[in-house]
Amino acid sequence: MTQYRPVGPALVEQRRAPRHPVFVTRATTRRHKQEAVEARLCDLSAYGCRLAGDDQPDGERLWLRFEGSMPVAATAVWSRDGMVGCRFDEPIDRKLVRALTLTVD
C-alpha cells in the first residue's frame, strides 16, 4: 500500500484569457500572397480565436478579417478536424472583442 493517493491528470488551460462565444461568425483567412478564404469564427478572446475552415499547418502566418474590422495578424497554433486555433500577434482591442462576442466585459 502506498502513502500517496491516486490523482488524475491535470487539466491545463494554456490560454491567456477565457474565450467567449461569438455573435458575429463570419471571417476570412489569408495566407501570405494567397487569396482570402471564408471561415467561421467559433470563439474569441483578446489574444486569439478558434475558426472553422481549412486546416492550417501549425506555425502558419495568417491574416484574419472579422466582419467590420481591419485585418489582424495571427499564427495558427493548432489545427484539427477542420478547426484552427490562432494566436494574435498583438491583442485586439477590447471594443472589437465586445462587438464580436455575446458577452459584455
C-alpha atoms as a PDB file:
ATOM      1  CA  MET A   1       0.000   0.000   0.000  1.00  0.00           C
ATOM      2  CA  THR A   2       1.336   3.422  -0.936  1.00  0.00           C
ATOM      3  CA  GLN A   3       1.134   6.550   1.178  1.00  0.00           C
ATOM      4  CA  TYR A   4       0.066   8.630  -1.834  1.00  0.00           C
ATOM      5  CA  ARG A   5      -3.454   8.703  -3.133  1.00  0.00           C
ATOM      6  CA  PRO A   6      -4.006   8.474  -6.901  1.00  0.00           C
ATOM      7  CA  VAL A   7      -4.518  11.800  -8.661  1.00  0.00           C
ATOM      8  CA  GLY A   8      -5.995  12.189 -12.134  1.00  0.00           C
ATOM      9  CA  PRO A   9      -4.227  14.134 -14.885  1.00  0.00           C
ATOM     10  CA  ALA A  10      -4.256  17.900 -14.559  1.00  0.00           C
ATOM     11  CA  LEU A  11      -6.407  19.904 -16.937  1.00  0.00           C
ATOM     12  CA  VAL A  12      -4.153  22.722 -18.025  1.00  0.00           C
ATOM     13  CA  GLU A  13      -5.714  25.745 -19.671  1.00  0.00           C
ATOM     14  CA  GLN A  14      -2.987  27.468 -21.659  1.00  0.00           C
ATOM     15  CA  ARG A  15      -4.964  30.467 -22.863  1.00  0.00           C
ATOM     16  CA  ARG A  16      -4.140  33.911 -21.508  1.00  0.00           C
ATOM     17  CA  ALA A  17      -7.827  34.879 -21.336  1.00  0.00           C
ATOM     18  CA  PRO A  18     -11.113  32.984 -21.423  1.00  0.00           C
ATOM     19  CA  ARG A  19     -12.710  32.537 -24.821  1.00  0.00           C
ATOM     20  CA  HIS A  20     -16.198  33.921 -25.395  1.00  0.00           C
ATOM     21  CA  PRO A  21     -18.917  32.617 -27.726  1.00  0.00           C
ATOM     22  CA  VAL A  22     -19.255  34.939 -30.695  1.00  0.00           C
ATOM     23  CA  PHE A  23     -22.133  36.980 -32.048  1.00  0.00           C
ATOM     24  CA  VAL A  24     -20.542  37.652 -35.461  1.00  0.00           C
ATOM     25  CA  THR A  25     -19.331  34.404 -37.027  1.00  0.00           C
ATOM     26  CA  ARG A  26     -18.201  35.482 -40.495  1.00  0.00           C
ATOM     27  CA  ALA A  27     -14.457  35.742 -41.014  1.00  0.00           C
ATOM     28  CA  THR A  28     -11.836  35.298 -43.714  1.00  0.00           C
ATOM     29  CA  THR A  29      -8.302  33.950 -43.522  1.00  0.00           C
ATOM     30  CA  ARG A  30      -5.483  34.712 -45.908  1.00  0.00           C
ATOM     31  CA  ARG A  31      -2.062  33.145 -46.104  1.00  0.00           C
ATOM     32  CA  HIS A  32       0.873  35.171 -47.380  1.00  0.00           C
ATOM     33  CA  LYS A  33       0.400  36.001 -51.083  1.00  0.00           C
ATOM     34  CA  GLN A  34      -2.789  33.941 -51.388  1.00  0.00           C
ATOM     35  CA  GLU A  35      -6.482  34.713 -51.857  1.00  0.00           C
ATOM     36  CA  ALA A  36      -8.758  35.122 -48.833  1.00  0.00           C
ATOM     37  CA  VAL A  37     -10.816  32.084 -47.814  1.00  0.00           C
ATOM     38  CA  GLU A  38     -14.132  32.156 -45.940  1.00  0.00           C
ATOM     39  CA  ALA A  39     -14.081  30.799 -42.375  1.00  0.00           C
ATOM     40  CA  ARG A  40     -16.482  30.674 -39.438  1.00  0.00           C
ATOM     41  CA  LEU A  41     -15.438  32.315 -36.173  1.00  0.00           C
ATOM     42  CA  CYS A  42     -16.291  29.942 -33.289  1.00  0.00           C
ATOM     43  CA  ASP A  43     -14.916  31.726 -30.225  1.00  0.00           C
ATOM     44  CA  LEU A  44     -12.685  34.669 -29.417  1.00  0.00           C
ATOM     45  CA  SER A  45     -10.584  36.386 -26.769  1.00  0.00           C
ATOM     46  CA  ALA A  46      -8.365  39.451 -26.999  1.00  0.00           C
ATOM     47  CA  TYR A  47      -5.391  37.110 -27.580  1.00  0.00           C
ATOM     48  CA  GLY A  48      -6.720  34.523 -30.024  1.00  0.00           C
ATOM     49  CA  CYS A  49      -9.615  32.704 -31.615  1.00  0.00           C
ATOM     50  CA  ARG A  50     -10.870  29.388 -32.958  1.00  0.00           C
ATOM     51  CA  LEU A  51     -12.004  29.158 -36.570  1.00  0.00           C
ATOM     52  CA  ALA A  52     -13.807  26.503 -38.568  1.00  0.00           C
ATOM     53  CA  GLY A  53     -12.437  26.308 -42.104  1.00  0.00           C
ATOM     54  CA  ASP A  54      -9.414  24.980 -43.933  1.00  0.00           C
ATOM     55  CA  ASP A  55      -6.785  23.242 -41.825  1.00  0.00           C
ATOM     56  CA  GLN A  56      -3.692  25.400 -41.420  1.00  0.00           C
ATOM     57  CA  PRO A  57      -0.270  23.967 -40.595  1.00  0.00           C
ATOM     58  CA  ASP A  58       0.949  24.797 -37.074  1.00  0.00           C
ATOM     59  CA  GLY A  59       3.089  27.918 -37.185  1.00  0.00           C
ATOM     60  CA  GLU A  60       1.401  29.188 -40.385  1.00  0.00           C
ATOM     61  CA  ARG A  61       1.197  33.001 -40.511  1.00  0.00           C
ATOM     62  CA  LEU A  62      -2.298  34.292 -41.321  1.00  0.00           C
ATOM     63  CA  TRP A  63      -4.213  37.491 -41.773  1.00  0.00           C
ATOM     64  CA  LEU A  64      -7.708  37.321 -40.306  1.00  0.00           C
ATOM     65  CA  ARG A  65     -10.507  39.720 -41.090  1.00  0.00           C
ATOM     66  CA  PHE A  66     -13.618  39.787 -38.951  1.00  0.00           C
ATOM     67  CA  GLU A  67     -16.784  41.462 -40.102  1.00  0.00           C
ATOM     68  CA  GLY A  68     -16.349  45.223 -39.645  1.00  0.00           C
ATOM     69  CA  SER A  69     -12.659  45.175 -38.658  1.00  0.00           C
ATOM     70  CA  MET A  70      -9.214  45.743 -40.087  1.00  0.00           C
ATOM     71  CA  PRO A  71      -7.036  42.670 -40.834  1.00  0.00           C
ATOM     72  CA  VAL A  72      -5.480  41.030 -37.768  1.00  0.00           C
ATOM     73  CA  ALA A  73      -2.091  39.265 -37.956  1.00  0.00           C
ATOM     74  CA  ALA A  74      -2.102  35.824 -36.311  1.00  0.00           C
ATOM     75  CA  THR A  75      -0.325  32.475 -36.141  1.00  0.00           C
ATOM     76  CA  ALA A  76      -2.019  29.067 -36.328  1.00  0.00           C
ATOM     77  CA  VAL A  77      -1.083  27.279 -33.097  1.00  0.00           C
ATOM     78  CA  TRP A  78      -3.043  24.084 -33.698  1.00  0.00           C
ATOM     79  CA  SER A  79      -5.235  22.578 -36.407  1.00  0.00           C
ATOM     80  CA  ARG A  80      -7.510  19.549 -36.102  1.00  0.00           C
ATOM     81  CA  ASP A  81     -10.687  18.259 -37.782  1.00  0.00           C
ATOM     82  CA  GLY A  82     -11.357  21.462 -39.737  1.00  0.00           C
ATOM     83  CA  MET A  83     -10.772  23.713 -36.707  1.00  0.00           C
ATOM     84  CA  VAL A  84      -7.840  26.100 -36.295  1.00  0.00           C
ATOM     85  CA  GLY A  85      -6.645  27.775 -33.097  1.00  0.00           C
ATOM     86  CA  CYS A  86      -4.976  31.133 -33.743  1.00  0.00           C
ATOM     87  CA  ARG A  87      -2.917  33.441 -31.546  1.00  0.00           C
ATOM     88  CA  PHE A  88      -2.979  37.108 -32.499  1.00  0.00           C
ATOM     89  CA  ASP A  89       0.390  38.848 -32.902  1.00  0.00           C
ATOM     90  CA  GLU A  90      -0.938  41.699 -30.758  1.00  0.00           C
ATOM     91  CA  PRO A  91      -4.022  41.595 -28.520  1.00  0.00           C
ATOM     92  CA  ILE A  92      -7.047  43.001 -30.324  1.00  0.00           C
ATOM     93  CA  ASP A  93      -8.920  45.980 -28.953  1.00  0.00           C
ATOM     94  CA  ARG A  94     -11.458  45.220 -26.209  1.00  0.00           C
ATOM     95  CA  LYS A  95     -14.082  47.168 -28.158  1.00  0.00           C
ATOM     96  CA  LEU A  96     -13.718  44.725 -31.045  1.00  0.00           C
ATOM     97  CA  VAL A  97     -13.960  41.748 -28.661  1.00  0.00           C
ATOM     98  CA  ARG A  98     -17.175  43.204 -27.225  1.00  0.00           C
ATOM     99  CA  ALA A  99     -18.591  43.887 -30.683  1.00  0.00           C
ATOM    100  CA  LEU A 100     -17.958  40.310 -31.827  1.00  0.00           C
ATOM    101  CA  THR A 101     -18.974  38.396 -28.698  1.00  0.00           C
ATOM    102  CA  LEU A 102     -22.185  37.721 -26.854  1.00  0.00           C
ATOM    103  CA  THR A 103     -20.761  38.849 -23.510  1.00  0.00           C
ATOM    104  CA  VAL A 104     -20.170  42.401 -22.370  1.00  0.00           C
ATOM    105  CA  ASP A 105     -16.968  42.911 -20.342  1.00  0.00           C
END
